[in-house]
Amino acid sequence: MQARAVALDMLLAVSEGRESHRVFAAELSKYPDMERQERAFARRLAAGVMERRLTLDFLLSHYVKSGMGKQKPVIREILRMGMYQLYYMEVPPSAACNESVKLAKKRGFAGLSGYVNGVLRAAARQRIDLQKEVAGLGDGKALSILYSIPEWLVEKFIVWYGKERSGQIFASFLEPSGLSVRANLSVADIPALQEKLEQAGVTVDAGKLHPAALHLSGIDTVEKLPGFLRGEFQVQDESSMLPVLCAGIKAGDYVIDCCAAPGGKTIQAADVLLKARGAHSCCDAGAGTVSARDLSEYKLSKINENVRRCGFDNIEVMSFDATCLRQEDVGRADVVIADLPCSGLGIIGKKPDIKYNVSEEGLIELSLLQRKILSTVAEYVKPGGVLIYSTCTLNPEENEKNYHFLCGLSGFEPESLDGYLPQKLHSDTTKKGYLTLLPEAGKWDGFFVSRFRREGGGTMDGTK
């Protein structure tokens, strides 16, 4: 019962506009003594309802004639939870119905408990075949219902990637993603770290894209894993490791990570510098430095939290607006990492609320913001230095079109990624200097990365 109550609290908090990943962490932290199995149930139930919200509402529409939009928030989420248990979890129908009724009563809706019971009992008796129900609908509507993606966004994906590939992408969003981490090689030995994790009951598999990547399963909370508090590894999706990999950072480099939160790439870049120098302190003048910037207090706190945990002192953290030029940094950086704010369409599998909150207007606004930031931070790259532009979206307007925008900046030339990426990712586009990585279930998120070198000292005020 407690697990369902916690899941309900999560869903209600997200419905108020809070980000799902923050909500889940905050709500579960309130119950440190909750059994591992209960925590897993609560997390799976809340995440599942979020992932399949449109599908669940379509199913419920067969029994809720007044429409889901007219339901009281608590009852609406309880109905979705009950339906998710009936269709997507190995929960006996009687338990799904009875526990939903109990939850309604506990939350002060005893008068509607019979209604909840009637809807879910009818749903348990008359299961709906989704494939048959959507067979006569258009491609956009059918995919929207099957994969719980807003129809307008489905239509966008079909234009970008075609119907079949879009369906594969949407299906990957609904698959369990597990947890990816990257070993900090300046302080950890991968075989030793893997052995410690396995002894703690964690299943560990080698990554596919980065030599220091590990995929973990069978865990409860990251903080309890051996080596985490000692900074031996960093939670980071494997696709997110590619920008630093493609930067080709060398010992002694000055690296600017201009939109750094929560700090994964900052830690990765600092680790590369320390490993290359064989040091664990910036007191060594040749160790190199990473300057991590972001704006909000929350984002800076997440960067500092990771920096303190890992103990890397070749990192400086500062509050700065990436759209504003910092004059003292002009022409100073060996590497600028511009992993910029984006629509996040590549990480819907981890943050399903993204697909419900994104808008067509927002996609346009983000691409313009990205260009404004790129025009500014490109100034920081010294002659011969490298600019990395990356996002975690699959929107060509934010990705390929911004790649072409950078191709037009005076003094910048795209460079092949093939010398940095594993052979399996080599393609015609990586030779041109960019990669659009589509999400693959259980392995990595969708991502975009590109690499440019500044050939001369020209300004950014014109095209070539």
Protein backbone atom coordinates (compact mmCIF):
# COMPACT_ATOMS: atom_id res chain seq x y z
CA MET A 1 0.00 0.00 0.00
CA GLN A 2 2.78 2.45 0.87
CA ALA A 3 4.44 1.99 -2.53
CA ARG A 4 1.23 2.96 -4.34
CA ALA A 5 0.76 5.97 -2.08
CA VAL A 6 4.31 7.13 -2.82
CA ALA A 7 3.76 6.63 -6.55
CA LEU A 8 0.59 8.72 -6.33
CA ASP A 9 2.48 11.53 -4.58
CA MET A 10 5.11 11.44 -7.34
CA LEU A 11 2.52 11.68 -10.10
CA LEU A 12 0.61 14.52 -8.43
CA ALA A 13 3.83 16.49 -7.97
CA VAL A 14 4.77 16.02 -11.63
CA SER A 15 1.26 17.06 -12.71
CA GLU A 16 1.93 20.40 -10.99
CA GLY A 17 4.83 21.05 -13.35
CA ARG A 18 7.80 19.76 -11.38
CA GLU A 19 10.46 17.77 -13.23
CA SER A 20 10.01 14.03 -12.87
CA HIS A 21 13.63 13.12 -12.09
CA ARG A 22 13.74 15.65 -9.25
CA VAL A 23 10.35 14.56 -7.94
CA PHE A 24 11.22 10.88 -7.89
CA ALA A 25 14.48 11.47 -6.02
CA ALA A 26 12.85 13.83 -3.51
CA GLU A 27 9.84 11.62 -2.76
CA LEU A 28 11.84 8.41 -2.35
CA SER A 29 14.33 10.19 -0.07
CA LYS A 30 11.46 10.70 2.40
CA TYR A 31 11.33 6.94 3.00
CA PRO A 32 14.90 5.77 3.65
CA ASP A 33 13.64 2.68 5.48
CA MET A 34 11.30 1.53 2.73
CA GLU A 35 12.03 -2.00 1.55
CA ARG A 36 13.97 -2.22 -1.68
CA GLN A 37 11.17 -4.12 -3.39
CA GLU A 38 8.63 -1.49 -2.36
CA ARG A 39 10.85 1.34 -3.63
CA ALA A 40 11.27 -0.43 -6.94
CA PHE A 41 7.50 -0.94 -7.22
CA ALA A 42 6.76 2.72 -6.49
CA ARG A 43 9.35 3.93 -8.98
CA ARG A 44 8.21 1.57 -11.71
CA LEU A 45 4.54 2.38 -11.22
CA ALA A 46 5.01 6.16 -11.25
CA ALA A 47 7.42 6.08 -14.18
CA GLY A 48 5.21 3.68 -16.10
CA VAL A 49 2.12 5.84 -15.70
CA MET A 50 4.09 8.86 -16.88
CA GLU A 51 5.54 7.01 -19.86
CA ARG A 52 2.18 5.69 -21.03
CA ARG A 53 -0.13 8.49 -19.96
CA LEU A 54 -1.76 8.98 -23.38
CA THR A 55 -2.14 5.24 -23.90
CA LEU A 56 -3.72 4.82 -20.48
CA ASP A 57 -6.12 7.70 -21.08
CA PHE A 58 -7.13 6.13 -24.40
CA LEU A 59 -7.84 2.82 -22.67
CA LEU A 60 -9.74 4.53 -19.87
CA SER A 61 -11.83 6.51 -22.37
CA HIS A 62 -13.70 3.28 -23.09
CA TYR A 63 -15.00 3.27 -19.50
CA VAL A 64 -14.84 6.94 -18.43
CA LYS A 65 -17.42 8.59 -20.68
CA SER A 66 -17.02 12.06 -19.16
CA GLY A 67 -13.36 12.16 -20.23
CA MET A 68 -10.16 12.04 -18.18
CA GLY A 69 -9.79 15.80 -18.24
CA LYS A 70 -12.87 16.22 -16.04
CA GLN A 71 -11.63 13.88 -13.30
CA LYS A 72 -10.32 15.21 -10.00
CA PRO A 73 -6.48 15.05 -10.08
CA VAL A 74 -6.22 12.40 -7.36
CA ILE A 75 -8.88 10.19 -8.95
CA ARG A 76 -7.38 10.67 -12.42
CA GLU A 77 -3.96 9.46 -11.25
CA ILE A 78 -5.43 6.57 -9.25
CA LEU A 79 -7.32 5.40 -12.35
CA ARG A 80 -4.18 5.62 -14.47
CA MET A 81 -2.23 3.70 -11.84
CA GLY A 82 -4.87 1.01 -11.69
CA MET A 83 -4.99 0.68 -15.46
CA TYR A 84 -1.19 0.50 -15.68
CA GLN A 85 -1.15 -2.35 -13.17
CA LEU A 86 -3.83 -4.17 -15.17
CA TYR A 87 -2.06 -3.86 -18.51
CA TYR A 88 1.66 -3.55 -17.83
CA MET A 89 2.49 -5.11 -14.46
CA GLU A 90 2.23 -8.60 -13.06
CA VAL A 91 -0.34 -7.55 -10.50
CA PRO A 92 -3.51 -9.64 -9.96
CA PRO A 93 -6.57 -7.71 -11.21
CA SER A 94 -8.18 -8.00 -7.80
CA ALA A 95 -5.18 -6.36 -6.14
CA ALA A 96 -5.02 -3.58 -8.75
CA CYS A 97 -8.69 -2.78 -8.16
CA ASN A 98 -8.83 -3.23 -4.38
CA GLU A 99 -5.68 -1.21 -3.66
CA SER A 100 -6.89 1.61 -5.92
CA VAL A 101 -10.16 1.75 -3.98
CA LYS A 102 -8.29 1.81 -0.65
CA LEU A 103 -6.05 4.60 -1.93
CA ALA A 104 -9.05 6.70 -2.99
CA LYS A 105 -10.59 6.31 0.48
CA LYS A 106 -7.32 7.12 2.20
CA ARG A 107 -7.00 10.35 0.21
CA GLY A 108 -10.46 11.52 1.25
CA PHE A 109 -12.48 10.36 -1.73
CA ALA A 110 -14.56 7.59 -0.16
CA GLY A 111 -17.56 8.87 -2.08
CA LEU A 112 -15.79 8.14 -5.37
CA SER A 113 -14.30 4.80 -4.33
CA GLY A 114 -17.23 2.91 -5.85
CA TYR A 115 -16.70 4.78 -9.12
CA VAL A 116 -12.99 3.85 -9.11
CA ASN A 117 -13.92 0.24 -8.39
CA GLY A 118 -16.50 0.14 -11.19
CA VAL A 119 -14.16 1.59 -13.83
CA LEU A 120 -11.25 -0.72 -13.02
CA ARG A 121 -13.43 -3.84 -12.62
CA ALA A 122 -14.91 -3.17 -16.07
CA ALA A 123 -11.41 -2.65 -17.49
CA ALA A 124 -10.22 -5.92 -15.94
CA ARG A 125 -13.18 -7.83 -17.49
CA GLN A 126 -13.01 -6.24 -20.95
CA ARG A 127 -9.41 -5.96 -22.03
CA ILE A 128 -8.81 -3.86 -25.12
CA ASP A 129 -6.58 -4.92 -28.03
CA LEU A 130 -4.69 -1.73 -28.78
CA GLN A 131 -3.39 -2.87 -32.16
CA LYS A 132 -6.94 -3.53 -33.36
CA GLU A 133 -8.24 -0.28 -31.92
CA VAL A 134 -5.71 1.87 -33.78
CA ALA A 135 -5.75 -0.13 -37.04
CA GLY A 136 -8.10 2.25 -38.81
CA LEU A 137 -6.45 5.46 -37.62
CA GLY A 138 -3.84 7.53 -39.41
CA ASP A 139 -0.13 6.92 -38.82
CA GLY A 140 0.27 9.89 -36.48
CA LYS A 141 -2.74 9.08 -34.32
CA ALA A 142 -1.93 5.36 -34.17
CA LEU A 143 1.68 5.89 -33.13
CA SER A 144 0.60 8.53 -30.62
CA ILE A 145 -1.74 6.07 -28.88
CA LEU A 146 0.60 3.09 -29.08
CA TYR A 147 3.67 4.89 -27.73
CA SER A 148 2.10 7.76 -25.78
CA ILE A 149 3.69 10.56 -27.80
CA PRO A 150 1.67 13.72 -28.56
CA GLU A 151 0.36 13.49 -32.11
CA TRP A 152 1.96 16.74 -33.31
CA LEU A 153 5.35 15.45 -32.14
CA VAL A 154 4.79 12.09 -33.83
CA GLU A 155 4.17 13.92 -37.09
CA LYS A 156 7.45 15.82 -36.63
CA PHE A 157 9.38 12.60 -36.10
CA ILE A 158 7.82 11.02 -39.17
CA VAL A 159 9.05 13.97 -41.25
CA TRP A 160 12.52 13.72 -39.71
CA TYR A 161 13.01 9.94 -39.62
CA GLY A 162 10.12 8.23 -41.43
CA LYS A 163 7.32 6.13 -39.95
CA GLU A 164 9.26 2.90 -39.35
CA ARG A 165 12.32 4.49 -37.76
CA SER A 166 10.14 6.77 -35.65
CA GLY A 167 8.26 3.75 -34.31
CA GLN A 168 11.57 2.15 -33.37
CA ILE A 169 12.67 5.33 -31.57
CA PHE A 170 9.37 5.57 -29.67
CA ALA A 171 9.58 1.89 -28.70
CA SER A 172 13.08 2.42 -27.31
CA PHE A 173 11.76 5.18 -25.03
CA LEU A 174 9.50 2.65 -23.31
CA GLU A 175 12.19 0.03 -22.68
CA PRO A 176 14.03 -0.15 -19.30
CA SER A 177 17.20 1.91 -19.58
CA GLY A 178 19.21 0.69 -16.60
CA LEU A 179 22.03 2.84 -15.26
CA SER A 180 25.19 3.88 -17.08
CA VAL A 181 28.29 5.08 -15.26
CA ARG A 182 31.79 6.09 -16.30
CA ALA A 183 34.81 5.09 -14.26
CA ASN A 184 37.09 7.99 -13.33
CA LEU A 185 40.35 6.53 -14.57
CA SER A 186 42.57 8.93 -12.64
CA VAL A 187 41.37 7.36 -9.38
CA ALA A 188 39.81 4.00 -10.27
CA ASP A 189 40.81 0.74 -11.90
CA ILE A 190 37.98 -0.69 -13.98
CA PRO A 191 38.48 -4.40 -13.14
CA ALA A 192 38.76 -3.60 -9.42
CA LEU A 193 35.69 -1.35 -9.55
CA GLN A 194 33.71 -3.97 -11.41
CA GLU A 195 34.65 -6.62 -8.85
CA LYS A 196 33.54 -4.40 -5.94
CA LEU A 197 30.21 -3.69 -7.60
CA GLU A 198 29.58 -7.34 -8.38
CA GLN A 199 30.40 -8.31 -4.80
CA ALA A 200 27.69 -5.85 -3.76
CA GLY A 201 25.17 -7.76 -5.87
CA VAL A 202 25.24 -5.44 -8.90
CA THR A 203 25.20 -6.84 -12.43
CA VAL A 204 27.91 -5.08 -14.45
CA ASP A 205 28.29 -5.05 -18.23
CA ALA A 206 30.91 -3.25 -20.30
CA GLY A 207 29.83 -0.21 -22.31
CA LYS A 208 29.66 -0.16 -26.09
CA LEU A 209 30.79 3.36 -26.97
CA HIS A 210 33.31 4.45 -24.32
CA PRO A 211 36.12 2.33 -22.84
CA ALA A 212 35.37 3.49 -19.29
CA ALA A 213 31.60 2.99 -19.49
CA LEU A 214 29.78 0.39 -17.39
CA HIS A 215 26.10 -0.57 -17.43
CA LEU A 216 24.68 -1.45 -14.00
CA SER A 217 21.49 -3.27 -13.06
CA GLY A 218 20.10 -4.73 -9.86
CA ILE A 219 20.67 -1.60 -7.77
CA ASP A 220 18.56 0.36 -5.32
CA THR A 221 20.22 3.74 -4.78
CA VAL A 222 23.44 4.95 -6.41
CA GLU A 223 24.69 6.57 -3.21
CA LYS A 224 25.01 3.15 -1.54
CA LEU A 225 27.17 1.64 -4.28
CA PRO A 226 30.82 0.98 -3.37
CA GLY A 227 33.13 3.58 -4.85
CA PHE A 228 30.49 6.23 -5.48
CA LEU A 229 31.24 8.46 -2.49
CA ARG A 230 34.97 8.12 -3.23
CA GLY A 231 34.49 9.51 -6.71
CA GLU A 232 35.50 6.33 -8.50
CA PHE A 233 32.69 6.70 -11.00
CA GLN A 234 30.21 9.21 -12.35
CA VAL A 235 26.61 8.52 -13.34
CA GLN A 236 26.49 9.43 -17.02
CA ASP A 237 24.69 8.07 -20.05
CA GLU A 238 27.09 6.54 -22.53
CA SER A 239 26.03 8.85 -25.34
CA SER A 240 26.73 11.81 -23.06
CA MET A 241 30.35 10.67 -22.80
CA LEU A 242 30.95 11.33 -26.51
CA PRO A 243 31.48 15.12 -26.47
CA VAL A 244 34.52 14.90 -24.18
CA LEU A 245 35.73 11.81 -26.05
CA CYS A 246 35.55 13.77 -29.33
CA ALA A 247 37.25 16.83 -27.83
CA GLY A 248 40.66 15.13 -27.79
CA ILE A 249 41.64 16.85 -24.53
CA LYS A 250 45.41 16.84 -23.82
CA ALA A 251 47.45 17.31 -20.65
CA GLY A 252 47.63 20.97 -19.69
CA ASP A 253 44.58 22.09 -21.69
CA TYR A 254 42.30 24.85 -20.48
CA VAL A 255 38.74 23.60 -21.00
CA ILE A 256 35.55 25.66 -20.71
CA ASP A 257 32.33 23.72 -20.12
CA CYS A 258 29.90 26.55 -20.73
CA CYS A 259 26.56 24.95 -19.71
CA ALA A 260 27.96 22.39 -17.32
CA ALA A 261 25.19 21.20 -14.96
CA PRO A 262 24.95 18.63 -13.50
CA GLY A 263 28.68 18.23 -14.10
CA GLY A 264 29.12 14.89 -15.84
CA LYS A 265 31.18 16.28 -18.72
CA THR A 266 33.08 18.58 -16.35
CA ILE A 267 34.14 15.61 -14.22
CA GLN A 268 34.96 13.59 -17.34
CA ALA A 269 37.13 16.36 -18.79
CA ALA A 270 38.92 16.88 -15.47
CA ASP A 271 39.52 13.14 -15.20
CA VAL A 272 41.02 13.06 -18.71
CA LEU A 273 43.39 15.90 -17.76
CA LEU A 274 44.45 14.24 -14.51
CA LYS A 275 44.90 10.84 -16.12
CA ALA A 276 46.96 12.34 -18.94
CA ARG A 277 49.21 14.13 -16.45
CA GLY A 278 49.28 11.32 -13.91
CA ALA A 279 48.24 13.75 -11.21
CA HIS A 280 45.30 14.29 -8.87
CA SER A 281 45.89 17.93 -8.11
CA CYS A 282 45.92 21.18 -10.01
CA CYS A 283 48.89 22.18 -7.89
CA ASP A 284 50.84 20.54 -10.70
CA ALA A 285 51.00 23.33 -13.27
CA GLY A 286 50.72 20.87 -16.14
CA ALA A 287 47.51 19.21 -14.99
CA GLY A 288 45.21 21.53 -16.89
CA THR A 289 41.96 23.10 -15.71
CA VAL A 290 38.25 22.82 -16.42
CA SER A 291 36.14 25.93 -15.96
CA ALA A 292 32.53 24.86 -15.37
CA ARG A 293 29.84 27.50 -15.84
CA ASP A 294 26.10 27.61 -15.36
CA LEU A 295 23.54 30.08 -14.16
CA SER A 296 20.97 28.90 -11.60
CA GLU A 297 21.80 28.22 -7.98
CA TYR A 298 20.34 24.73 -8.28
CA LYS A 299 22.48 23.84 -11.29
CA LEU A 300 25.64 25.17 -9.67
CA SER A 301 24.87 23.16 -6.53
CA LYS A 302 24.68 19.95 -8.60
CA ILE A 303 28.06 20.69 -10.22
CA ASN A 304 29.68 21.45 -6.87
CA GLU A 305 28.16 18.32 -5.34
CA ASN A 306 29.84 16.16 -7.99
CA VAL A 307 33.12 18.05 -7.76
CA ARG A 308 33.28 17.61 -3.97
CA ARG A 309 32.44 13.92 -4.19
CA CYS A 310 35.12 13.21 -6.76
CA GLY A 311 37.69 15.43 -5.06
CA PHE A 312 39.06 16.81 -8.32
CA ASP A 313 40.70 20.16 -7.63
CA ASN A 314 41.51 21.04 -11.24
CA ILE A 315 37.95 22.35 -11.64
CA GLU A 316 36.74 25.90 -11.14
CA VAL A 317 32.98 26.49 -10.88
CA MET A 318 31.41 29.86 -11.59
CA SER A 319 28.00 31.40 -12.13
CA PHE A 320 27.81 32.89 -15.60
CA ASP A 321 25.23 33.46 -18.32
CA ALA A 322 26.43 31.69 -21.46
CA THR A 323 24.72 34.26 -23.69
CA CYS A 324 27.00 37.00 -22.30
CA LEU A 325 30.59 37.39 -23.47
CA ARG A 326 33.24 37.08 -20.76
CA GLN A 327 35.92 39.30 -22.21
CA GLU A 328 38.82 37.83 -20.24
CA ASP A 329 38.20 34.40 -21.79
CA VAL A 330 38.31 35.51 -25.44
CA GLY A 331 40.85 33.40 -27.33
CA ARG A 332 41.95 31.58 -24.17
CA ALA A 333 40.45 28.06 -24.28
CA ASP A 334 42.06 25.01 -25.85
CA VAL A 335 38.65 23.33 -25.79
CA VAL A 336 35.15 24.74 -25.41
CA ILE A 337 32.39 22.22 -24.68
CA ALA A 338 29.01 23.65 -25.64
CA ASP A 339 26.51 20.99 -24.55
CA LEU A 340 23.62 23.41 -24.70
CA PRO A 341 20.07 23.63 -23.34
CA CYS A 342 17.84 21.74 -25.76
CA SER A 343 14.42 20.14 -26.16
CA GLY A 344 15.74 16.82 -24.77
CA LEU A 345 13.95 14.66 -27.33
CA GLY A 346 16.72 12.07 -27.16
CA ILE A 347 16.28 11.40 -23.43
CA ILE A 348 12.50 10.92 -23.28
CA GLY A 349 13.19 7.36 -22.13
CA LYS A 350 14.69 8.74 -18.91
CA LYS A 351 12.55 11.87 -18.55
CA PRO A 352 9.12 11.06 -20.04
CA ASP A 353 7.58 14.36 -18.96
CA ILE A 354 9.63 16.04 -21.70
CA LYS A 355 7.30 14.77 -24.43
CA TYR A 356 4.25 16.31 -22.78
CA ASN A 357 5.86 19.69 -22.06
CA VAL A 358 7.71 20.43 -25.30
CA SER A 359 6.03 22.68 -27.89
CA GLU A 360 6.60 23.64 -31.52
CA GLU A 361 7.28 27.21 -30.45
CA GLY A 362 9.74 25.97 -27.86
CA LEU A 363 11.71 24.05 -30.49
CA ILE A 364 12.18 27.23 -32.51
CA GLU A 365 13.08 29.33 -29.48
CA LEU A 366 15.69 26.81 -28.34
CA SER A 367 17.42 26.71 -31.72
CA LEU A 368 17.72 30.50 -31.69
CA LEU A 369 19.04 30.47 -28.11
CA GLN A 370 21.61 27.85 -29.08
CA ARG A 371 22.88 29.99 -31.94
CA LYS A 372 23.15 33.00 -29.66
CA ILE A 373 25.22 31.00 -27.18
CA LEU A 374 27.37 29.42 -29.90
CA SER A 375 28.18 32.82 -31.40
CA THR A 376 29.35 33.94 -27.95
CA VAL A 377 31.29 30.93 -26.66
CA ALA A 378 33.05 30.41 -30.01
CA GLU A 379 34.98 33.58 -29.13
CA TYR A 380 36.66 31.72 -26.26
CA VAL A 381 38.40 29.21 -28.54
CA LYS A 382 42.04 30.05 -29.15
CA PRO A 383 43.55 29.73 -32.65
CA GLY A 384 44.02 26.01 -33.23
CA GLY A 385 41.57 25.20 -30.43
CA VAL A 386 38.49 22.99 -30.56
CA LEU A 387 34.77 23.74 -30.20
CA ILE A 388 32.42 20.85 -29.37
CA TYR A 389 28.70 21.43 -29.90
CA SER A 390 26.33 18.78 -28.59
CA THR A 391 22.73 18.25 -27.50
CA CYS A 392 20.57 15.44 -26.16
CA THR A 393 17.82 16.05 -28.70
CA LEU A 394 16.86 14.50 -32.04
CA ASN A 395 15.48 17.69 -33.58
CA PRO A 396 17.41 18.56 -36.80
CA GLU A 397 16.65 22.27 -36.26
CA GLU A 398 18.71 22.15 -33.06
CA ASN A 399 21.30 19.74 -34.43
CA GLU A 400 22.20 19.59 -38.11
CA LYS A 401 21.02 23.13 -38.84
CA ASN A 402 23.15 24.48 -36.02
CA TYR A 403 26.07 22.44 -37.35
CA HIS A 404 25.67 24.29 -40.65
CA PHE A 405 25.38 27.56 -38.73
CA LEU A 406 28.76 26.86 -37.14
CA CYS A 407 30.20 25.98 -40.54
CA GLY A 408 29.42 29.58 -41.48
CA LEU A 409 31.33 31.16 -38.60
CA SER A 410 34.53 32.83 -39.76
CA GLY A 411 37.65 30.84 -38.89
CA PHE A 412 35.91 27.59 -37.91
CA GLU A 413 36.10 24.35 -39.84
CA PRO A 414 34.39 21.04 -39.03
CA GLU A 415 36.69 18.10 -38.30
CA SER A 416 36.11 14.37 -38.68
CA LEU A 417 35.01 12.50 -35.56
CA ASP A 418 36.32 9.16 -36.81
CA GLY A 419 39.60 9.44 -34.92
CA TYR A 420 37.71 9.61 -31.63
CA LEU A 421 34.63 7.44 -32.02
CA PRO A 422 34.43 3.62 -32.07
CA GLN A 423 34.38 2.10 -35.56
CA LYS A 424 30.69 1.12 -35.30
CA LEU A 425 29.71 4.80 -35.26
CA HIS A 426 31.73 5.86 -38.30
CA SER A 427 29.59 7.18 -41.15
CA ASP A 428 29.47 9.77 -43.89
CA THR A 429 28.38 12.39 -41.37
CA THR A 430 31.09 11.62 -38.81
CA LYS A 431 33.66 12.25 -41.55
CA LYS A 432 32.03 15.66 -42.00
CA GLY A 433 32.28 16.34 -38.27
CA TYR A 434 28.93 15.42 -36.72
CA LEU A 435 26.96 12.45 -35.43
CA THR A 436 23.25 12.02 -34.74
CA LEU A 437 23.05 9.01 -32.44
CA LEU A 438 19.58 7.49 -32.24
CA PRO A 439 18.55 5.97 -28.89
CA GLU A 440 19.00 2.24 -28.44
CA ALA A 441 16.99 0.57 -25.71
CA GLY A 442 19.03 -0.37 -22.66
CA LYS A 443 22.25 1.01 -24.14
CA TRP A 444 22.22 4.77 -24.71
CA ASP A 445 20.10 7.87 -25.21
CA GLY A 446 19.65 9.84 -28.39
CA PHE A 447 22.40 12.43 -28.82
CA PHE A 448 24.09 14.83 -31.23
CA VAL A 449 27.77 15.82 -31.24
CA SER A 450 29.92 17.88 -33.60
CA ARG A 451 33.53 19.06 -33.64
CA PHE A 452 35.06 22.25 -35.03
CA ARG A 453 38.59 23.67 -35.05
CA ARG A 454 39.42 27.34 -35.07
CA GLU A 455 41.96 27.87 -37.77
CA GLY A 456 42.68 31.56 -37.31
CA GLY A 457 41.99 34.50 -35.04
CA GLY A 458 39.06 35.99 -36.97
CA THR A 459 36.00 37.41 -35.27
CA MET A 460 32.59 35.80 -35.32
CA ASP A 461 30.85 38.65 -37.13
CA GLY A 462 30.60 37.21 -40.62
CA THR A 463 30.45 34.16 -42.81
CA LYS A 464 33.29 32.64 -44.73
